[in-house]
C-alpha cells in the first residue's frame, strides 16, 4: 500500500477533503471526541500537512460536483486505494457507519471502478 507521505500534494488535498466529508456526513457538528479522533487519525497516517491540505481543498471545492471532479483527477491506483482505505476506516470509526458516510466511499469506488 502506498504510504500517505508518498502521495502527490493534489491527492493529499483530496484525501483531507474526504476525511472532512466523511466526518461531517452525518449532518452533525463534530463532537470534541470526533475532533480528537481526527487529530489522532491524521497523525497516525503521517498526514502532517492535513490542515494545509484541508485549507487548499476548502478553497477549491464548493459542492458534490466539484468533489467528484477532484476525485476524477486522482489517477494513481495506489493513491485511490490509499484514499479508499482511509475512507473505509473512517466509516467504521463510530461503530456502525451511516448511509451518508458509506455513500461517499461507494461513489468513489464506483468512479474508480473498485470492488
N, C-alpha and C. Protein backbone atom coordinates (compact mmCIF):
# COMPACT_ATOMS: atom_id res chain seq x y z
N UNK A 1 0.84 -1.18 0.00
CA UNK A 1 0.00 0.00 0.00
C UNK A 1 0.89 1.24 0.00
N UNK A 2 0.50 2.24 -0.76
CA UNK A 2 1.23 3.50 -0.81
C UNK A 2 1.18 4.19 0.53
N UNK A 3 2.33 4.68 0.97
CA UNK A 3 2.37 5.46 2.20
C UNK A 3 1.78 6.83 1.88
N UNK A 4 1.01 7.36 2.80
CA UNK A 4 0.36 8.64 2.55
C UNK A 4 1.37 9.75 2.34
N UNK A 5 2.52 9.66 2.99
CA UNK A 5 3.54 10.69 2.81
C UNK A 5 4.07 10.70 1.38
N UNK A 6 3.89 9.59 0.66
CA UNK A 6 4.37 9.49 -0.72
C UNK A 6 3.34 9.96 -1.75
N UNK A 7 2.15 10.31 -1.28
CA UNK A 7 1.12 10.80 -2.21
C UNK A 7 1.49 12.17 -2.75
N UNK A 8 1.06 12.43 -3.98
CA UNK A 8 1.22 13.77 -4.54
C UNK A 8 0.37 14.74 -3.72
N UNK A 9 0.78 16.00 -3.74
CA UNK A 9 0.06 17.01 -2.96
C UNK A 9 -1.42 17.05 -3.32
N UNK A 10 -1.75 17.01 -4.60
CA UNK A 10 -3.15 17.08 -5.02
C UNK A 10 -3.95 15.91 -4.45
N UNK A 11 -3.33 14.74 -4.37
CA UNK A 11 -4.01 13.57 -3.82
C UNK A 11 -4.20 13.72 -2.31
N UNK A 12 -3.22 14.31 -1.63
CA UNK A 12 -3.36 14.55 -0.19
C UNK A 12 -4.45 15.59 0.08
N UNK A 13 -4.56 16.58 -0.80
CA UNK A 13 -5.62 17.58 -0.67
C UNK A 13 -6.98 16.89 -0.77
N UNK A 14 -7.11 15.99 -1.74
CA UNK A 14 -8.38 15.28 -1.89
C UNK A 14 -8.64 14.38 -0.69
N UNK A 15 -7.61 13.70 -0.20
CA UNK A 15 -7.76 12.86 0.99
C UNK A 15 -8.23 13.68 2.19
N UNK A 16 -7.63 14.84 2.39
CA UNK A 16 -8.04 15.70 3.51
C UNK A 16 -9.52 16.07 3.38
N UNK A 17 -9.95 16.36 2.16
CA UNK A 17 -11.36 16.68 1.93
C UNK A 17 -12.26 15.48 2.17
N UNK A 18 -11.79 14.29 1.82
CA UNK A 18 -12.57 13.07 2.08
C UNK A 18 -12.74 12.86 3.58
N UNK A 19 -11.65 13.04 4.31
CA UNK A 19 -11.71 12.88 5.76
C UNK A 19 -12.75 13.82 6.35
N UNK A 20 -12.67 15.08 5.95
CA UNK A 20 -13.64 16.06 6.46
C UNK A 20 -15.07 15.70 6.05
N UNK A 21 -15.24 15.32 4.80
CA UNK A 21 -16.57 14.99 4.28
C UNK A 21 -17.19 13.81 5.02
N UNK A 22 -16.41 12.81 5.29
CA UNK A 22 -16.92 11.63 5.99
C UNK A 22 -17.28 11.97 7.43
N UNK A 23 -16.44 12.75 8.08
CA UNK A 23 -16.72 13.13 9.47
C UNK A 23 -18.00 13.97 9.56
N UNK A 24 -18.22 14.83 8.56
CA UNK A 24 -19.41 15.70 8.59
C UNK A 24 -20.63 15.08 7.92
N UNK A 25 -20.49 13.88 7.35
CA UNK A 25 -21.57 13.28 6.57
C UNK A 25 -22.83 13.01 7.38
N UNK A 26 -22.70 12.84 8.68
CA UNK A 26 -23.89 12.56 9.47
C UNK A 26 -24.74 13.80 9.71
N UNK A 27 -24.24 14.96 9.27
CA UNK A 27 -25.01 16.19 9.38
C UNK A 27 -24.89 16.89 10.72
N UNK A 28 -24.16 16.30 11.63
CA UNK A 28 -23.97 16.89 12.95
C UNK A 28 -22.62 17.57 13.03
N UNK A 29 -22.55 18.61 13.84
CA UNK A 29 -21.28 19.28 14.07
C UNK A 29 -20.38 18.28 14.79
N UNK A 30 -19.10 18.19 14.41
CA UNK A 30 -18.21 17.22 15.07
C UNK A 30 -18.11 17.47 16.58
N UNK A 31 -18.17 16.39 17.32
CA UNK A 31 -18.05 16.49 18.77
C UNK A 31 -16.57 16.63 19.13
N UNK A 32 -16.31 16.99 20.37
CA UNK A 32 -14.92 17.09 20.84
C UNK A 32 -14.21 15.75 20.67
N UNK A 33 -14.93 14.68 20.90
CA UNK A 33 -14.37 13.33 20.74
C UNK A 33 -13.99 13.06 19.29
N UNK A 34 -14.88 13.45 18.35
CA UNK A 34 -14.58 13.25 16.92
C UNK A 34 -13.39 14.09 16.51
N UNK A 35 -13.30 15.31 17.02
CA UNK A 35 -12.16 16.16 16.67
C UNK A 35 -10.86 15.60 17.23
N UNK A 36 -10.92 15.04 18.42
CA UNK A 36 -9.73 14.39 19.00
C UNK A 36 -9.35 13.17 18.17
N UNK A 37 -10.37 12.41 17.74
CA UNK A 37 -10.11 11.25 16.88
C UNK A 37 -9.49 11.69 15.56
N UNK A 38 -9.99 12.78 15.01
CA UNK A 38 -9.46 13.29 13.76
C UNK A 38 -7.98 13.62 13.90
N UNK A 39 -7.63 14.28 14.99
CA UNK A 39 -6.23 14.61 15.24
C UNK A 39 -5.38 13.35 15.29
N UNK A 40 -5.86 12.33 15.99
CA UNK A 40 -5.14 11.05 16.07
C UNK A 40 -5.03 10.40 14.69
N UNK A 41 -6.12 10.48 13.92
CA UNK A 41 -6.16 9.83 12.60
C UNK A 41 -5.11 10.42 11.68
N UNK A 42 -5.10 11.73 11.53
CA UNK A 42 -4.17 12.27 10.55
C UNK A 42 -2.72 12.19 11.03
N UNK A 43 -2.51 12.18 12.32
CA UNK A 43 -1.14 11.98 12.82
C UNK A 43 -0.69 10.55 12.60
N UNK A 44 -1.57 9.59 12.88
CA UNK A 44 -1.20 8.18 12.70
C UNK A 44 -0.99 7.85 11.22
N UNK A 45 -1.66 8.59 10.35
CA UNK A 45 -1.50 8.38 8.92
C UNK A 45 -0.23 9.04 8.37
N UNK A 46 0.37 9.89 9.17
CA UNK A 46 1.55 10.61 8.69
C UNK A 46 1.17 11.77 7.79
N UNK A 47 -0.06 12.22 7.87
CA UNK A 47 -0.55 13.33 7.05
C UNK A 47 -0.35 14.62 7.85
N UNK A 48 0.92 14.96 8.04
CA UNK A 48 1.28 16.07 8.91
C UNK A 48 0.86 17.44 8.35
N UNK A 49 0.62 17.49 7.05
CA UNK A 49 0.18 18.74 6.45
C UNK A 49 -1.34 18.75 6.23
N UNK A 50 -2.07 18.00 7.07
CA UNK A 50 -3.52 17.89 6.93
C UNK A 50 -4.21 19.25 6.89
N UNK A 51 -3.88 20.10 7.85
CA UNK A 51 -4.56 21.41 7.94
C UNK A 51 -4.37 22.22 6.66
N UNK A 52 -3.13 22.25 6.14
CA UNK A 52 -2.85 22.99 4.90
C UNK A 52 -3.58 22.36 3.72
N UNK A 53 -3.60 21.03 3.68
CA UNK A 53 -4.30 20.34 2.60
C UNK A 53 -5.80 20.60 2.67
N UNK A 54 -6.35 20.57 3.87
CA UNK A 54 -7.78 20.83 4.03
C UNK A 54 -8.12 22.26 3.63
N UNK A 55 -7.28 23.19 3.98
CA UNK A 55 -7.50 24.58 3.60
C UNK A 55 -7.49 24.72 2.07
N UNK A 56 -6.57 24.03 1.42
CA UNK A 56 -6.50 24.03 -0.04
C UNK A 56 -7.77 23.42 -0.63
N UNK A 57 -8.22 22.30 -0.05
CA UNK A 57 -9.44 21.64 -0.51
C UNK A 57 -10.64 22.57 -0.39
N UNK A 58 -10.78 23.20 0.78
CA UNK A 58 -11.93 24.08 1.01
C UNK A 58 -11.91 25.30 0.11
N UNK A 59 -10.74 25.70 -0.35
CA UNK A 59 -10.63 26.82 -1.26
C UNK A 59 -11.03 26.48 -2.69
N UNK A 60 -11.09 25.17 -2.99
CA UNK A 60 -11.37 24.73 -4.36
C UNK A 60 -12.70 24.02 -4.53
N UNK A 61 -13.17 23.39 -3.48
CA UNK A 61 -14.35 22.51 -3.59
C UNK A 61 -15.55 23.17 -2.90
N UNK A 62 -16.59 23.40 -3.70
CA UNK A 62 -17.79 24.05 -3.17
C UNK A 62 -18.99 23.12 -3.02
N UNK A 63 -19.00 22.04 -3.79
CA UNK A 63 -20.17 21.17 -3.77
C UNK A 63 -19.79 19.76 -4.21
N UNK A 64 -20.79 18.89 -4.28
CA UNK A 64 -20.53 17.49 -4.64
C UNK A 64 -19.97 17.36 -6.06
N UNK A 65 -20.43 18.21 -6.96
CA UNK A 65 -19.92 18.16 -8.33
C UNK A 65 -18.42 18.46 -8.35
N UNK A 66 -17.98 19.48 -7.62
CA UNK A 66 -16.56 19.79 -7.53
C UNK A 66 -15.79 18.64 -6.87
N UNK A 67 -16.41 18.04 -5.84
CA UNK A 67 -15.79 16.92 -5.15
C UNK A 67 -15.53 15.77 -6.12
N UNK A 68 -16.52 15.43 -6.93
CA UNK A 68 -16.36 14.32 -7.87
C UNK A 68 -15.38 14.67 -8.99
N UNK A 69 -15.32 15.92 -9.40
CA UNK A 69 -14.32 16.34 -10.39
C UNK A 69 -12.92 16.17 -9.82
N UNK A 70 -12.76 16.54 -8.56
CA UNK A 70 -11.46 16.38 -7.90
C UNK A 70 -11.11 14.89 -7.80
N UNK A 71 -12.10 14.06 -7.51
CA UNK A 71 -11.86 12.62 -7.41
C UNK A 71 -11.38 12.06 -8.76
N UNK A 72 -11.92 12.56 -9.85
CA UNK A 72 -11.51 12.09 -11.18
C UNK A 72 -10.05 12.41 -11.47
N UNK A 73 -9.51 13.43 -10.81
CA UNK A 73 -8.12 13.80 -11.04
C UNK A 73 -7.14 12.92 -10.25
N UNK A 74 -7.65 12.09 -9.37
CA UNK A 74 -6.80 11.14 -8.65
C UNK A 74 -6.63 9.93 -9.57
N UNK A 75 -5.52 9.89 -10.29
CA UNK A 75 -5.30 8.87 -11.32
C UNK A 75 -4.55 7.64 -10.83
N UNK A 76 -3.68 7.80 -9.86
CA UNK A 76 -2.85 6.70 -9.39
C UNK A 76 -3.69 5.65 -8.66
N UNK A 77 -3.63 4.39 -9.12
CA UNK A 77 -4.36 3.34 -8.41
C UNK A 77 -3.91 3.20 -6.96
N UNK A 78 -2.63 3.43 -6.70
CA UNK A 78 -2.12 3.35 -5.34
C UNK A 78 -2.73 4.46 -4.47
N UNK A 79 -2.84 5.67 -5.02
CA UNK A 79 -3.44 6.78 -4.29
C UNK A 79 -4.93 6.50 -4.06
N UNK A 80 -5.61 5.99 -5.08
CA UNK A 80 -7.02 5.66 -4.95
C UNK A 80 -7.24 4.63 -3.84
N UNK A 81 -6.40 3.59 -3.84
CA UNK A 81 -6.53 2.55 -2.82
C UNK A 81 -6.26 3.10 -1.42
N UNK A 82 -5.26 3.98 -1.31
CA UNK A 82 -4.94 4.58 -0.01
C UNK A 82 -6.12 5.42 0.48
N UNK A 83 -6.69 6.21 -0.40
CA UNK A 83 -7.83 7.07 -0.03
C UNK A 83 -9.04 6.21 0.36
N UNK A 84 -9.30 5.17 -0.41
CA UNK A 84 -10.42 4.29 -0.09
C UNK A 84 -10.20 3.56 1.24
N UNK A 85 -8.97 3.19 1.52
CA UNK A 85 -8.66 2.54 2.79
C UNK A 85 -8.94 3.45 3.97
N UNK A 86 -8.50 4.70 3.84
CA UNK A 86 -8.75 5.67 4.91
C UNK A 86 -10.26 5.93 5.03
N UNK A 87 -10.93 6.08 3.90
CA UNK A 87 -12.37 6.33 3.92
C UNK A 87 -13.11 5.18 4.62
N UNK A 88 -12.73 3.96 4.31
CA UNK A 88 -13.37 2.80 4.93
C UNK A 88 -13.14 2.80 6.44
N UNK A 89 -11.91 3.04 6.85
CA UNK A 89 -11.60 3.08 8.29
C UNK A 89 -12.40 4.16 9.00
N UNK A 90 -12.54 5.31 8.36
CA UNK A 90 -13.30 6.40 8.97
C UNK A 90 -14.77 6.06 9.11
N UNK A 91 -15.33 5.34 8.15
CA UNK A 91 -16.74 4.99 8.24
C UNK A 91 -16.99 4.05 9.42
N UNK A 92 -15.98 3.32 9.83
CA UNK A 92 -16.12 2.38 10.96
C UNK A 92 -15.73 3.00 12.29
N UNK A 93 -15.29 4.25 12.28
CA UNK A 93 -14.77 4.91 13.47
C UNK A 93 -15.74 4.90 14.64
N UNK A 94 -17.01 5.13 14.37
CA UNK A 94 -18.01 5.20 15.44
C UNK A 94 -18.86 3.93 15.53
N UNK A 95 -18.32 2.84 15.06
CA UNK A 95 -19.07 1.58 15.10
C UNK A 95 -19.79 1.35 13.78
N UNK A 96 -21.07 1.56 13.77
CA UNK A 96 -21.87 1.33 12.56
C UNK A 96 -21.90 2.60 11.72
N UNK A 97 -21.41 2.52 10.47
CA UNK A 97 -21.41 3.72 9.63
C UNK A 97 -22.82 4.07 9.18
N UNK A 98 -23.03 5.38 8.96
CA UNK A 98 -24.35 5.76 8.46
C UNK A 98 -24.33 5.77 6.93
N UNK A 99 -25.50 5.87 6.35
CA UNK A 99 -25.64 5.77 4.89
C UNK A 99 -24.87 6.86 4.16
N UNK A 100 -24.84 8.07 4.71
CA UNK A 100 -24.14 9.18 4.05
C UNK A 100 -22.64 8.91 3.99
N UNK A 101 -22.08 8.38 5.09
CA UNK A 101 -20.66 8.06 5.11
C UNK A 101 -20.34 6.98 4.09
N UNK A 102 -21.17 5.94 4.08
CA UNK A 102 -20.96 4.86 3.12
C UNK A 102 -21.15 5.34 1.69
N UNK A 103 -22.04 6.31 1.50
CA UNK A 103 -22.31 6.84 0.17
C UNK A 103 -21.08 7.48 -0.45
N UNK A 104 -20.30 8.18 0.35
CA UNK A 104 -19.08 8.81 -0.16
C UNK A 104 -18.12 7.74 -0.65
N UNK A 105 -17.88 6.75 0.18
CA UNK A 105 -16.96 5.67 -0.20
C UNK A 105 -17.49 4.92 -1.43
N UNK A 106 -18.80 4.65 -1.45
CA UNK A 106 -19.41 3.91 -2.56
C UNK A 106 -19.26 4.68 -3.89
N UNK A 107 -19.47 5.99 -3.85
CA UNK A 107 -19.32 6.80 -5.07
C UNK A 107 -17.88 6.78 -5.57
N UNK A 108 -16.93 6.85 -4.65
CA UNK A 108 -15.53 6.81 -5.06
C UNK A 108 -15.17 5.45 -5.64
N UNK A 109 -15.65 4.39 -5.01
CA UNK A 109 -15.38 3.04 -5.53
C UNK A 109 -15.95 2.88 -6.94
N UNK A 110 -17.15 3.39 -7.16
CA UNK A 110 -17.77 3.30 -8.48
C UNK A 110 -17.00 4.12 -9.51
N UNK A 111 -16.61 5.33 -9.13
CA UNK A 111 -15.88 6.21 -10.04
C UNK A 111 -14.54 5.58 -10.44
N UNK A 112 -13.85 5.03 -9.45
CA UNK A 112 -12.52 4.46 -9.70
C UNK A 112 -12.58 2.99 -10.09
N UNK A 113 -13.80 2.47 -10.26
CA UNK A 113 -14.01 1.08 -10.67
C UNK A 113 -13.29 0.10 -9.74
N UNK A 114 -13.59 0.24 -8.45
CA UNK A 114 -13.02 -0.63 -7.42
C UNK A 114 -14.16 -1.45 -6.81
N UNK A 115 -13.88 -2.73 -6.50
CA UNK A 115 -14.93 -3.56 -5.88
C UNK A 115 -15.25 -3.11 -4.47
